[in-house]
PDB file of all heavy atoms in Angstrom:
ATOM      1  N   SER A   1      55.905  30.333 -35.425  1.00  0.00           N
ATOM      2  CA  SER A   1      55.261  31.068 -34.345  1.00  0.00           C
ATOM      3  C   SER A   1      56.165  31.089 -33.132  1.00  0.00           C
ATOM      4  O   SER A   1      56.753  30.060 -32.778  1.00  0.00           O
ATOM      5  CB  SER A   1      53.921  30.424 -33.979  1.00  0.00           C
ATOM      6  OG  SER A   1      53.391  31.001 -32.791  1.00  0.00           O
ATOM      7  N   PRO A   2      56.321  32.229 -32.464  1.00  0.00           N
ATOM      8  CA  PRO A   2      57.179  32.304 -31.286  1.00  0.00           C
ATOM      9  C   PRO A   2      56.527  31.765 -30.016  1.00  0.00           C
ATOM     10  O   PRO A   2      57.171  31.690 -28.982  1.00  0.00           O
ATOM     11  CB  PRO A   2      57.453  33.804 -31.160  1.00  0.00           C
ATOM     12  CG  PRO A   2      56.218  34.442 -31.715  1.00  0.00           C
ATOM     13  CD  PRO A   2      55.766  33.548 -32.843  1.00  0.00           C
ATOM     14  N   ARG A   3      55.257  31.422 -30.060  1.00  0.00           N
ATOM     15  CA  ARG A   3      54.563  30.981 -28.851  1.00  0.00           C
ATOM     16  C   ARG A   3      54.943  29.554 -28.468  1.00  0.00           C
ATOM     17  O   ARG A   3      55.193  28.713 -29.325  1.00  0.00           O
ATOM     18  CB  ARG A   3      53.044  31.059 -29.044  1.00  0.00           C
ATOM     19  CG  ARG A   3      52.523  32.476 -29.209  1.00  0.00           C
ATOM     20  CD  ARG A   3      51.011  32.462 -29.378  1.00  0.00           C
ATOM     21  NE  ARG A   3      50.481  33.805 -29.532  1.00  0.00           N
ATOM     22  CZ  ARG A   3      50.162  34.598 -28.529  1.00  0.00           C
ATOM     23  NH1 ARG A   3      50.322  34.165 -27.289  1.00  0.00           N
ATOM     24  NH2 ARG A   3      49.702  35.809 -28.730  1.00  0.00           N
ATOM     25  N   LEU A   4      54.943  29.306 -27.167  1.00  0.00           N
ATOM     26  CA  LEU A   4      55.169  27.957 -26.671  1.00  0.00           C
ATOM     27  C   LEU A   4      53.973  27.086 -27.027  1.00  0.00           C
ATOM     28  O   LEU A   4      52.834  27.436 -26.732  1.00  0.00           O
ATOM     29  CB  LEU A   4      55.367  27.990 -25.149  1.00  0.00           C
ATOM     30  CG  LEU A   4      55.864  26.707 -24.488  1.00  0.00           C
ATOM     31  CD1 LEU A   4      57.302  26.416 -24.906  1.00  0.00           C
ATOM     32  CD2 LEU A   4      55.789  26.838 -22.973  1.00  0.00           C
ATOM     33  N   ALA A   5      54.207  25.956 -27.690  1.00  0.00           N
ATOM     34  CA  ALA A   5      53.120  25.076 -28.116  1.00  0.00           C
ATOM     35  C   ALA A   5      52.837  23.975 -27.116  1.00  0.00           C
ATOM     36  O   ALA A   5      51.720  23.462 -27.042  1.00  0.00           O
ATOM     37  CB  ALA A   5      53.447  24.458 -29.482  1.00  0.00           C
ATOM     38  N   GLU A   6      53.841  23.610 -26.310  1.00  0.00           N
ATOM     39  CA  GLU A   6      53.680  22.505 -25.373  1.00  0.00           C
ATOM     40  C   GLU A   6      54.774  22.581 -24.322  1.00  0.00           C
ATOM     41  O   GLU A   6      55.908  22.959 -24.615  1.00  0.00           O
ATOM     42  CB  GLU A   6      53.762  21.173 -26.124  1.00  0.00           C
ATOM     43  CG  GLU A   6      53.694  19.940 -25.238  1.00  0.00           C
ATOM     44  CD  GLU A   6      54.003  18.674 -26.010  1.00  0.00           C
ATOM     45  OE1 GLU A   6      55.140  18.548 -26.497  1.00  0.00           O
ATOM     46  OE2 GLU A   6      53.109  17.820 -26.137  1.00  0.00           O
ATOM     47  N   GLY A   7      54.436  22.228 -23.090  1.00  0.00           N
ATOM     48  CA  GLY A   7      55.430  22.162 -22.027  1.00  0.00           C
ATOM     49  C   GLY A   7      55.147  20.984 -21.113  1.00  0.00           C
ATOM     50  O   GLY A   7      53.990  20.552 -20.978  1.00  0.00           O
ATOM     51  N   MET A   8      56.201  20.438 -20.486  1.00  0.00           N
ATOM     52  CA  MET A   8      56.013  19.249 -19.672  1.00  0.00           C
ATOM     53  C   MET A   8      57.088  19.148 -18.597  1.00  0.00           C
ATOM     54  O   MET A   8      58.244  19.501 -18.819  1.00  0.00           O
ATOM     55  CB  MET A   8      56.062  18.000 -20.563  1.00  0.00           C
ATOM     56  CG  MET A   8      55.722  16.705 -19.853  1.00  0.00           C
ATOM     57  SD  MET A   8      55.617  15.320 -21.011  1.00  0.00           S
ATOM     58  CE  MET A   8      57.300  15.263 -21.579  1.00  0.00           C
ATOM     59  N   LEU A   9      56.686  18.669 -17.408  1.00  0.00           N
ATOM     60  CA  LEU A   9      57.588  18.337 -16.317  1.00  0.00           C
ATOM     61  C   LEU A   9      57.308  16.898 -15.907  1.00  0.00           C
ATOM     62  O   LEU A   9      56.140  16.469 -15.881  1.00  0.00           O
ATOM     63  CB  LEU A   9      57.372  19.265 -15.117  1.00  0.00           C
ATOM     64  CG  LEU A   9      57.570  20.768 -15.346  1.00  0.00           C
ATOM     65  CD1 LEU A   9      57.126  21.547 -14.108  1.00  0.00           C
ATOM     66  CD2 LEU A   9      59.028  21.077 -15.665  1.00  0.00           C
ATOM     67  N   HIS A  10      58.339  16.126 -15.581  1.00  0.00           N
ATOM     68  CA  HIS A  10      58.082  14.736 -15.198  1.00  0.00           C
ATOM     69  C   HIS A  10      59.086  14.258 -14.163  1.00  0.00           C
ATOM     70  O   HIS A  10      60.212  14.751 -14.060  1.00  0.00           O
ATOM     71  CB  HIS A  10      58.130  13.822 -16.429  1.00  0.00           C
ATOM     72  CG  HIS A  10      59.526  13.442 -16.851  1.00  0.00           C
ATOM     73  ND1 HIS A  10      60.161  12.319 -16.403  1.00  0.00           N
ATOM     74  CD2 HIS A  10      60.410  14.064 -17.668  1.00  0.00           C
ATOM     75  CE1 HIS A  10      61.370  12.244 -16.934  1.00  0.00           C
ATOM     76  NE2 HIS A  10      61.556  13.294 -17.706  1.00  0.00           N
ATOM     77  N   ALA A  11      58.648  13.284 -13.383  1.00  0.00           N
ATOM     78  CA  ALA A  11      59.494  12.591 -12.414  1.00  0.00           C
ATOM     79  C   ALA A  11      59.186  11.106 -12.533  1.00  0.00           C
ATOM     80  O   ALA A  11      58.016  10.711 -12.678  1.00  0.00           O
ATOM     81  CB  ALA A  11      59.213  13.078 -10.993  1.00  0.00           C
ATOM     82  N   ALA A  12      60.218  10.263 -12.504  1.00  0.00           N
ATOM     83  CA  ALA A  12      60.007   8.834 -12.707  1.00  0.00           C
ATOM     84  C   ALA A  12      60.971   8.023 -11.855  1.00  0.00           C
ATOM     85  O   ALA A  12      62.036   8.511 -11.445  1.00  0.00           O
ATOM     86  CB  ALA A  12      60.178   8.473 -14.187  1.00  0.00           C
ATOM     87  N   TYR A  13      60.567   6.776 -11.603  1.00  0.00           N
ATOM     88  CA  TYR A  13      61.420   5.836 -10.893  1.00  0.00           C
ATOM     89  C   TYR A  13      61.307   4.485 -11.595  1.00  0.00           C
ATOM     90  O   TYR A  13      60.201   4.008 -11.866  1.00  0.00           O
ATOM     91  CB  TYR A  13      60.999   5.690  -9.423  1.00  0.00           C
ATOM     92  CG  TYR A  13      61.815   4.669  -8.668  1.00  0.00           C
ATOM     93  CD1 TYR A  13      63.144   4.928  -8.327  1.00  0.00           C
ATOM     94  CD2 TYR A  13      61.262   3.445  -8.307  1.00  0.00           C
ATOM     95  CE1 TYR A  13      63.907   3.994  -7.644  1.00  0.00           C
ATOM     96  CE2 TYR A  13      62.012   2.506  -7.622  1.00  0.00           C
ATOM     97  CZ  TYR A  13      63.334   2.782  -7.294  1.00  0.00           C
ATOM     98  OH  TYR A  13      64.080   1.847  -6.615  1.00  0.00           O
ATOM     99  N   SER A  14      62.436   3.877 -11.909  1.00  0.00           N
ATOM    100  CA  SER A  14      62.436   2.581 -12.599  1.00  0.00           C
ATOM    101  C   SER A  14      63.225   1.560 -11.783  1.00  0.00           C
ATOM    102  O   SER A  14      64.172   1.917 -11.059  1.00  0.00           O
ATOM    103  CB  SER A  14      63.038   2.719 -13.998  1.00  0.00           C
ATOM    104  OG  SER A  14      64.362   3.217 -13.938  1.00  0.00           O
ATOM    105  N   TRP A  15      62.842   0.302 -11.903  1.00  0.00           N
ATOM    106  CA  TRP A  15      63.518  -0.752 -11.166  1.00  0.00           C
ATOM    107  C   TRP A  15      63.412  -2.062 -11.954  1.00  0.00           C
ATOM    108  O   TRP A  15      62.454  -2.279 -12.707  1.00  0.00           O
ATOM    109  CB  TRP A  15      62.901  -0.920  -9.775  1.00  0.00           C
ATOM    110  CG  TRP A  15      61.470  -1.388  -9.756  1.00  0.00           C
ATOM    111  CD1 TRP A  15      61.032  -2.675  -9.595  1.00  0.00           C
ATOM    112  CD2 TRP A  15      60.295  -0.577  -9.913  1.00  0.00           C
ATOM    113  NE1 TRP A  15      59.663  -2.721  -9.632  1.00  0.00           N
ATOM    114  CE2 TRP A  15      59.179  -1.449  -9.819  1.00  0.00           C
ATOM    115  CE3 TRP A  15      60.072   0.784 -10.120  1.00  0.00           C
ATOM    116  CZ2 TRP A  15      57.866  -0.992  -9.942  1.00  0.00           C
ATOM    117  CZ3 TRP A  15      58.771   1.239 -10.239  1.00  0.00           C
ATOM    118  CH2 TRP A  15      57.685   0.361 -10.146  1.00  0.00           C
ATOM    119  N   PRO A  16      64.391  -2.955 -11.831  1.00  0.00           N
ATOM    120  CA  PRO A  16      64.379  -4.218 -12.576  1.00  0.00           C
ATOM    121  C   PRO A  16      63.458  -5.244 -11.936  1.00  0.00           C
ATOM    122  O   PRO A  16      63.351  -5.322 -10.714  1.00  0.00           O
ATOM    123  CB  PRO A  16      65.841  -4.661 -12.531  1.00  0.00           C
ATOM    124  CG  PRO A  16      66.358  -4.069 -11.250  1.00  0.00           C
ATOM    125  CD  PRO A  16      65.648  -2.755 -11.086  1.00  0.00           C
ATOM    126  N   LEU A  17      62.826  -6.023 -12.788  1.00  0.00           N
ATOM    127  CA  LEU A  17      62.040  -7.166 -12.329  1.00  0.00           C
ATOM    128  C   LEU A  17      62.804  -8.470 -12.519  1.00  0.00           C
ATOM    129  O   LEU A  17      62.626  -9.420 -11.769  1.00  0.00           O
ATOM    130  CB  LEU A  17      60.716  -7.225 -13.093  1.00  0.00           C
ATOM    131  CG  LEU A  17      59.737  -6.067 -12.877  1.00  0.00           C
ATOM    132  CD1 LEU A  17      58.515  -6.253 -13.760  1.00  0.00           C
ATOM    133  CD2 LEU A  17      59.338  -5.965 -11.407  1.00  0.00           C
ATOM    134  N   SER A  18      63.627  -8.509 -13.586  1.00  0.00           N
ATOM    135  CA  SER A  18      64.440  -9.681 -13.895  1.00  0.00           C
ATOM    136  C   SER A  18      65.564  -9.209 -14.810  1.00  0.00           C
ATOM    137  O   SER A  18      65.772  -8.011 -14.991  1.00  0.00           O
ATOM    138  CB  SER A  18      63.588 -10.759 -14.572  1.00  0.00           C
ATOM    139  OG  SER A  18      63.148 -10.319 -15.846  1.00  0.00           O
ATOM    140  N   ASP A  19      66.261 -10.147 -15.417  1.00  0.00           N
ATOM    141  CA  ASP A  19      67.325  -9.790 -16.346  1.00  0.00           C
ATOM    142  C   ASP A  19      66.780  -9.161 -17.619  1.00  0.00           C
ATOM    143  O   ASP A  19      67.508  -8.466 -18.329  1.00  0.00           O
ATOM    144  CB  ASP A  19      68.148 -11.032 -16.714  1.00  0.00           C
ATOM    145  CG  ASP A  19      68.936 -11.565 -15.523  1.00  0.00           C
ATOM    146  OD1 ASP A  19      69.175 -10.782 -14.586  1.00  0.00           O
ATOM    147  OD2 ASP A  19      69.299 -12.760 -15.547  1.00  0.00           O
ATOM    148  N   THR A  20      65.510  -9.401 -17.919  1.00  0.00           N
ATOM    149  CA  THR A  20      64.949  -8.918 -19.184  1.00  0.00           C
ATOM    150  C   THR A  20      63.806  -7.925 -19.010  1.00  0.00           C
ATOM    151  O   THR A  20      63.486  -7.195 -19.946  1.00  0.00           O
ATOM    152  CB  THR A  20      64.433 -10.104 -20.030  1.00  0.00           C
ATOM    153  OG1 THR A  20      63.491 -10.859 -19.247  1.00  0.00           O
ATOM    154  CG2 THR A  20      65.585 -11.003 -20.453  1.00  0.00           C
ATOM    155  N   TRP A  21      63.190  -7.875 -17.842  1.00  0.00           N
ATOM    156  CA  TRP A  21      62.049  -6.995 -17.607  1.00  0.00           C
ATOM    157  C   TRP A  21      62.397  -5.918 -16.577  1.00  0.00           C
ATOM    158  O   TRP A  21      63.127  -6.170 -15.619  1.00  0.00           O
ATOM    159  CB  TRP A  21      60.839  -7.781 -17.098  1.00  0.00           C
ATOM    160  CG  TRP A  21      60.132  -8.575 -18.152  1.00  0.00           C
ATOM    161  CD1 TRP A  21      60.384  -9.859 -18.499  1.00  0.00           C
ATOM    162  CD2 TRP A  21      59.060  -8.131 -18.971  1.00  0.00           C
ATOM    163  NE1 TRP A  21      59.533 -10.266 -19.499  1.00  0.00           N
ATOM    164  CE2 TRP A  21      58.698  -9.209 -19.810  1.00  0.00           C
ATOM    165  CE3 TRP A  21      58.351  -6.932 -19.090  1.00  0.00           C
ATOM    166  CZ2 TRP A  21      57.679  -9.129 -20.742  1.00  0.00           C
ATOM    167  CZ3 TRP A  21      57.327  -6.848 -20.021  1.00  0.00           C
ATOM    168  CH2 TRP A  21      57.006  -7.932 -20.837  1.00  0.00           C
ATOM    169  N   GLN A  22      61.832  -4.726 -16.791  1.00  0.00           N
ATOM    170  CA  GLN A  22      61.907  -3.675 -15.794  1.00  0.00           C
ATOM    171  C   GLN A  22      60.581  -2.914 -15.774  1.00  0.00           C
ATOM    172  O   GLN A  22      59.776  -3.033 -16.696  1.00  0.00           O
ATOM    173  CB  GLN A  22      63.063  -2.710 -16.083  1.00  0.00           C
ATOM    174  CG  GLN A  22      62.908  -1.912 -17.359  1.00  0.00           C
ATOM    175  CD  GLN A  22      64.000  -0.850 -17.486  1.00  0.00           C
ATOM    176  OE1 GLN A  22      64.292  -0.144 -16.523  1.00  0.00           O
ATOM    177  NE2 GLN A  22      64.582  -0.743 -18.660  1.00  0.00           N
ATOM    178  N   MET A  23      60.368  -2.161 -14.706  1.00  0.00           N
ATOM    179  CA  MET A  23      59.161  -1.354 -14.588  1.00  0.00           C
ATOM    180  C   MET A  23      59.550   0.095 -14.361  1.00  0.00           C
ATOM    181  O   MET A  23      60.639   0.394 -13.851  1.00  0.00           O
ATOM    182  CB  MET A  23      58.276  -1.834 -13.432  1.00  0.00           C
ATOM    183  CG  MET A  23      57.630  -3.169 -13.659  1.00  0.00           C
ATOM    184  SD  MET A  23      56.355  -3.527 -12.411  1.00  0.00           S
ATOM    185  CE  MET A  23      55.087  -2.337 -12.859  1.00  0.00           C
ATOM    186  N   GLN A  24      58.637   0.979 -14.739  1.00  0.00           N
ATOM    187  CA  GLN A  24      58.832   2.398 -14.483  1.00  0.00           C
ATOM    188  C   GLN A  24      57.512   3.025 -14.068  1.00  0.00           C
ATOM    189  O   GLN A  24      56.492   2.842 -14.735  1.00  0.00           O
ATOM    190  CB  GLN A  24      59.370   3.114 -15.712  1.00  0.00           C
ATOM    191  CG  GLN A  24      59.514   4.629 -15.487  1.00  0.00           C
ATOM    192  CD  GLN A  24      60.254   5.328 -16.599  1.00  0.00           C
ATOM    193  OE1 GLN A  24      61.459   5.155 -16.743  1.00  0.00           O
ATOM    194  NE2 GLN A  24      59.553   6.113 -17.376  1.00  0.00           N
ATOM    195  N   ALA A  25      57.538   3.777 -12.963  1.00  0.00           N
ATOM    196  CA  ALA A  25      56.385   4.553 -12.503  1.00  0.00           C
ATOM    197  C   ALA A  25      56.748   6.025 -12.654  1.00  0.00           C
ATOM    198  O   ALA A  25      57.859   6.440 -12.318  1.00  0.00           O
ATOM    199  CB  ALA A  25      56.061   4.226 -11.048  1.00  0.00           C
ATOM    200  N   SER A  26      55.820   6.823 -13.165  1.00  0.00           N
ATOM    201  CA  SER A  26      56.135   8.229 -13.404  1.00  0.00           C
ATOM    202  C   SER A  26      54.933   9.122 -13.153  1.00  0.00           C
ATOM    203  O   SER A  26      53.777   8.697 -13.266  1.00  0.00           O
ATOM    204  CB  SER A  26      56.639   8.425 -14.839  1.00  0.00           C
ATOM    205  OG  SER A  26      55.662   8.028 -15.781  1.00  0.00           O
ATOM    206  N   LEU A  27      55.217  10.358 -12.794  1.00  0.00           N
ATOM    207  CA  LEU A  27      54.232  11.423 -12.656  1.00  0.00           C
ATOM    208  C   LEU A  27      54.601  12.528 -13.628  1.00  0.00           C
ATOM    209  O   LEU A  27      55.781  12.832 -13.819  1.00  0.00           O
ATOM    210  CB  LEU A  27      54.208  11.966 -11.228  1.00  0.00           C
ATOM    211  CG  LEU A  27      53.735  11.008 -10.139  1.00  0.00           C
ATOM    212  CD1 LEU A  27      53.882  11.663  -8.766  1.00  0.00           C
ATOM    213  CD2 LEU A  27      52.285  10.597 -10.370  1.00  0.00           C
ATOM    214  N   LEU A  28      53.590  13.147 -14.235  1.00  0.00           N
ATOM    215  CA  LEU A  28      53.847  14.102 -15.305  1.00  0.00           C
ATOM    216  C   LEU A  28      52.871  15.268 -15.224  1.00  0.00           C
ATOM    217  O   LEU A  28      51.685  15.077 -14.930  1.00  0.00           O
ATOM    218  CB  LEU A  28      53.720  13.372 -16.649  1.00  0.00           C
ATOM    219  CG  LEU A  28      53.927  14.131 -17.948  1.00  0.00           C
ATOM    220  CD1 LEU A  28      54.595  13.229 -18.972  1.00  0.00           C
ATOM    221  CD2 LEU A  28      52.584  14.607 -18.502  1.00  0.00           C
ATOM    222  N   TYR A  29      53.389  16.463 -15.457  1.00  0.00           N
ATOM    223  CA  TYR A  29      52.555  17.659 -15.599  1.00  0.00           C
ATOM    224  C   TYR A  29      52.694  18.120 -17.039  1.00  0.00           C
ATOM    225  O   TYR A  29      53.804  18.348 -17.536  1.00  0.00           O
ATOM    226  CB  TYR A  29      52.996  18.760 -14.651  1.00  0.00           C
ATOM    227  CG  TYR A  29      52.298  20.089 -14.911  1.00  0.00           C
ATOM    228  CD1 TYR A  29      51.034  20.342 -14.376  1.00  0.00           C
ATOM    229  CD2 TYR A  29      52.892  21.068 -15.694  1.00  0.00           C
ATOM    230  CE1 TYR A  29      50.384  21.544 -14.632  1.00  0.00           C
ATOM    231  CE2 TYR A  29      52.254  22.271 -15.950  1.00  0.00           C
ATOM    232  CZ  TYR A  29      50.997  22.498 -15.420  1.00  0.00           C
ATOM    233  OH  TYR A  29      50.358  23.690 -15.686  1.00  0.00           O
ATOM    234  N   TYR A  30      51.558  18.254 -17.723  1.00  0.00           N
ATOM    235  CA  TYR A  30      51.558  18.549 -19.158  1.00  0.00           C
ATOM    236  C   TYR A  30      50.666  19.755 -19.418  1.00  0.00           C
ATOM    237  O   TYR A  30      49.576  19.863 -18.851  1.00  0.00           O
ATOM    238  CB  TYR A  30      51.026  17.318 -19.907  1.00  0.00           C
ATOM    239  CG  TYR A  30      50.903  17.490 -21.402  1.00  0.00           C
ATOM    240  CD1 TYR A  30      52.029  17.423 -22.221  1.00  0.00           C
ATOM    241  CD2 TYR A  30      49.662  17.699 -21.992  1.00  0.00           C
ATOM    242  CE1 TYR A  30      51.909  17.576 -23.582  1.00  0.00           C
ATOM    243  CE2 TYR A  30      49.543  17.851 -23.348  1.00  0.00           C
ATOM    244  CZ  TYR A  30      50.660  17.791 -24.144  1.00  0.00           C
ATOM    245  OH  TYR A  30      50.551  17.934 -25.497  1.00  0.00           O
ATOM    246  N   ALA A  31      51.128  20.669 -20.261  1.00  0.00           N
ATOM    247  CA  ALA A  31      50.363  21.892 -20.516  1.00  0.00           C
ATOM    248  C   ALA A  31      50.479  22.320 -21.965  1.00  0.00           C
ATOM    249  O   ALA A  31      51.547  22.254 -22.577  1.00  0.00           O
ATOM    250  CB  ALA A  31      50.854  23.016 -19.609  1.00  0.00           C
ATOM    251  N   VAL A  32      49.348  22.726 -22.533  1.00  0.00           N
ATOM    252  CA  VAL A  32      49.279  23.341 -23.853  1.00  0.00           C
ATOM    253  C   VAL A  32      48.712  24.741 -23.652  1.00  0.00           C
ATOM    254  O   VAL A  32      47.547  24.885 -23.276  1.00  0.00           O
ATOM    255  CB  VAL A  32      48.384  22.535 -24.819  1.00  0.00           C
ATOM    256  CG1 VAL A  32      48.244  23.264 -26.157  1.00  0.00           C
ATOM    257  CG2 VAL A  32      48.963  21.139 -25.034  1.00  0.00           C
ATOM    258  N   PRO A  33      49.506  25.796 -23.859  1.00  0.00           N
ATOM    259  CA  PRO A  33      49.008  27.162 -23.642  1.00  0.00           C
ATOM    260  C   PRO A  33      47.882  27.508 -24.610  1.00  0.00           C
ATOM    261  O   PRO A  33      47.589  26.794 -25.560  1.00  0.00           O
ATOM    262  CB  PRO A  33      50.247  28.032 -23.887  1.00  0.00           C
ATOM    263  CG  PRO A  33      51.402  27.099 -23.707  1.00  0.00           C
ATOM    264  CD  PRO A  33      50.923  25.773 -24.182  1.00  0.00           C
ATOM    265  N   ARG A  34      47.267  28.662 -24.365  1.00  0.00           N
ATOM    266  CA  ARG A  34      46.161  29.139 -25.194  1.00  0.00           C
ATOM    267  C   ARG A  34      46.614  29.352 -26.637  1.00  0.00           C
ATOM    268  O   ARG A  34      47.683  29.890 -26.900  1.00  0.00           O
ATOM    269  CB  ARG A  34      45.614  30.451 -24.627  1.00  0.00           C
ATOM    270  CG  ARG A  34      44.447  31.039 -25.409  1.00  0.00           C
ATOM    271  CD  ARG A  34      44.023  32.351 -24.797  1.00  0.00           C
ATOM    272  NE  ARG A  34      43.545  32.182 -23.436  1.00  0.00           N
ATOM    273  CZ  ARG A  34      42.293  31.869 -23.130  1.00  0.00           C
ATOM    274  NH1 ARG A  34      41.395  31.699 -24.086  1.00  0.00           N
ATOM    275  NH2 ARG A  34      41.933  31.739 -21.868  1.00  0.00           N
ATOM    276  N   ARG A  35      45.785  28.895 -27.590  1.00  0.00           N
ATOM    277  CA  ARG A  35      46.027  29.111 -29.012  1.00  0.00           C
ATOM    278  C   ARG A  35      44.808  29.814 -29.605  1.00  0.00           C
ATOM    279  O   ARG A  35      43.747  29.207 -29.737  1.00  0.00           O
ATOM    280  CB  ARG A  35      46.247  27.784 -29.748  1.00  0.00           C
ATOM    281  CG  ARG A  35      47.624  27.179 -29.539  1.00  0.00           C
ATOM    282  CD  ARG A  35      47.737  25.847 -30.248  1.00  0.00           C
ATOM    283  NE  ARG A  35      47.405  25.966 -31.671  1.00  0.00           N
ATOM    284  CZ  ARG A  35      48.284  26.301 -32.606  1.00  0.00           C
ATOM    285  NH1 ARG A  35      49.538  26.568 -32.268  1.00  0.00           N
ATOM    286  NH2 ARG A  35      47.924  26.375 -33.868  1.00  0.00           N
ATOM    287  N   GLY A  36      44.964  31.087 -29.956  1.00  0.00           N
ATOM    288  CA  GLY A  36      43.834  31.826 -30.510  1.00  0.00           C
ATOM    289  C   GLY A  36      42.687  31.873 -29.522  1.00  0.00           C
ATOM    290  O   GLY A  36      42.839  32.275 -28.382  1.00  0.00           O
ATOM    291  N   ARG A  37      41.516  31.389 -29.961  1.00  0.00           N
ATOM    292  CA  ARG A  37      40.352  31.352 -29.080  1.00  0.00           C
ATOM    293  C   ARG A  37      40.273  30.081 -28.259  1.00  0.00           C
ATOM    294  O   ARG A  37      39.387  29.926 -27.423  1.00  0.00           O
ATOM    295  CB  ARG A  37      39.076  31.515 -29.925  1.00  0.00           C
ATOM    296  CG  ARG A  37      38.951  32.870 -30.591  1.00  0.00           C
ATOM    297  CD  ARG A  37      37.684  32.946 -31.418  1.00  0.00           C
ATOM    298  NE  ARG A  37      37.692  31.973 -32.509  1.00  0.00           N
ATOM    299  CZ  ARG A  37      36.668  31.760 -33.330  1.00  0.00           C
ATOM    300  NH1 ARG A  37      35.541  32.434 -33.154  1.00  0.00           N
ATOM    301  NH2 ARG A  37      36.762  30.885 -34.297  1.00  0.00           N
ATOM    302  N   ALA A  38      41.186  29.138 -28.523  1.00  0.00           N
ATOM    303  CA  ALA A  38      41.162  27.868 -27.801  1.00  0.00           C
ATOM    304  C   ALA A  38      41.597  28.058 -26.353  1.00  0.00           C
ATOM    305  O   ALA A  38      42.427  28.900 -26.036  1.00  0.00           O
ATOM    306  CB  ALA A  38      42.083  26.863 -28.495  1.00  0.00           C
ATOM    307  N   ARG A  39      41.024  27.280 -25.468  1.00  0.00           N
ATOM    308  CA  ARG A  39      41.375  27.338 -24.054  1.00  0.00           C
ATOM    309  C   ARG A  39      42.742  26.708 -23.822  1.00  0.00           C
ATOM    310  O   ARG A  39      43.146  25.803 -24.529  1.00  0.00           O
ATOM    311  CB  ARG A  39      40.341  26.570 -23.229  1.00  0.00           C
ATOM    312  CG  ARG A  39      38.933  27.092 -23.336  1.00  0.00           C
ATOM    313  CD  ARG A  39      37.998  26.179 -22.548  1.00  0.00           C
ATOM    314  NE  ARG A  39      36.610  26.581 -22.647  1.00  0.00           N
ATOM    315  CZ  ARG A  39      35.606  25.886 -22.124  1.00  0.00           C
ATOM    316  NH1 ARG A  39      35.867  24.768 -21.467  1.00  0.00           N
ATOM    317  NH2 ARG A  39      34.365  26.312 -22.252  1.00  0.00           N
ATOM    318  N   PRO A  40      43.458  27.165 -22.807  1.00  0.00           N
ATOM    319  CA  PRO A  40      44.670  26.436 -22.413  1.00  0.00           C
ATOM    320  C   PRO A  40      44.270  25.074 -21.852  1.00  0.00           C
ATOM    321  O   PRO A  40      43.170  24.908 -21.318  1.00  0.00           O
ATOM    322  CB  PRO A  40      45.293  27.336 -21.345  1.00  0.00           C
ATOM    323  CG  PRO A  40      44.146  28.139 -20.808  1.00  0.00           C
ATOM    324  CD  PRO A  40      43.217  28.349 -21.978  1.00  0.00           C
ATOM    325  N   TYR A  41      45.145  24.114 -21.991  1.00  0.00           N
ATOM    326  CA  TYR A  41      44.845  22.759 -21.528  1.00  0.00           C
ATOM    327  C   TYR A  41      45.982  22.286 -20.637  1.00  0.00           C
ATOM    328  O   TYR A  41      47.150  22.383 -20.987  1.00  0.00           O
ATOM    329  CB  TYR A  41      44.685  21.812 -22.711  1.00  0.00           C
ATOM    330  CG  TYR A  41      44.539  20.358 -22.310  1.00  0.00           C
ATOM    331  CD1 TYR A  41      43.395  19.919 -21.653  1.00  0.00           C
ATOM    332  CD2 TYR A  41      45.555  19.436 -22.564  1.00  0.00           C
ATOM    333  CE1 TYR A  41      43.261  18.589 -21.265  1.00  0.00           C
ATOM    334  CE2 TYR A  41      45.431  18.112 -22.190  1.00  0.00           C
ATOM    335  CZ  TYR A  41      44.278  17.706 -21.539  1.00  0.00           C
ATOM    336  OH  TYR A  41      44.154  16.386 -21.153  1.00  0.00           O
ATOM    337  N   ARG A  42      45.649  21.771 -19.434  1.00  0.00           N
ATOM    338  CA  ARG A  42      46.632  21.257 -18.498  1.00  0.00           C
ATOM    339  C   ARG A  42      46.146  19.927 -17.943  1.00  0.00           C
ATOM    340  O   ARG A  42      44.942  19.717 -17.787  1.00  0.00           O
ATOM    341  CB  ARG A  42      46.869  22.236 -17.347  1.00  0.00           C
ATOM    342  CG  ARG A  42      47.445  23.580 -17.757  1.00  0.00           C
ATOM    343  CD  ARG A  42      47.547  24.488 -16.544  1.00  0.00           C
ATOM    344  NE  ARG A  42      46.235  24.791 -15.973  1.00  0.00           N
ATOM    345  CZ  ARG A  42      45.987  24.889 -14.670  1.00  0.00           C
ATOM    346  NH1 ARG A  42      46.934  24.661 -13.797  1.00  0.00           N
ATOM    347  NH2 ARG A  42      44.774  25.190 -14.241  1.00  0.00           N
ATOM    348  N   ARG A  43      47.078  19.048 -17.631  1.00  0.00           N
ATOM    349  CA  ARG A  43      46.700  17.784 -17.000  1.00  0.00           C
ATOM    350  C   ARG A  43      47.836  17.257 -16.153  1.00  0.00           C
ATOM    351  O   ARG A  43      49.004  17.580 -16.358  1.00  0.00           O
ATOM    352  CB  ARG A  43      46.305  16.737 -18.050  1.00  0.00           C
ATOM    353  CG  ARG A  43      47.464  16.111 -18.803  1.00  0.00           C
ATOM    354  CD  ARG A  43      47.010  14.870 -19.563  1.00  0.00           C
ATOM    355  NE  ARG A  43      48.114  14.223 -20.255  1.00  0.00           N
ATOM    356  CZ  ARG A  43      48.328  14.274 -21.560  1.00  0.00           C
ATOM    357  NH1 ARG A  43      47.510  14.962 -22.340  1.00  0.00           N
ATOM    358  NH2 ARG A  43      49.363  13.653 -22.109  1.00  0.00           N
ATOM    359  N   ALA A  44      47.469  16.434 -15.171  1.00  0.00           N
ATOM    360  CA  ALA A  44      48.420  15.648 -14.389  1.00  0.00           C
ATOM    361  C   ALA A  44      48.248  14.193 -14.830  1.00  0.00           C
ATOM    362  O   ALA A  44      47.129  13.754 -15.134  1.00  0.00           O
ATOM    363  CB  ALA A  44      48.147  15.795 -12.901  1.00  0.00           C
TER     364      ALA A  44
END
């Protein structure tokens, strides 16, 4: 199918906690376009 099935944009920031641990915080925009009679779906 030539239609886009899924799309996503994201931004993230990561930082170390120790020599073995790190953390990451991220924001994401996610979208599934309309498929047939199904509604398009978007989320943050």
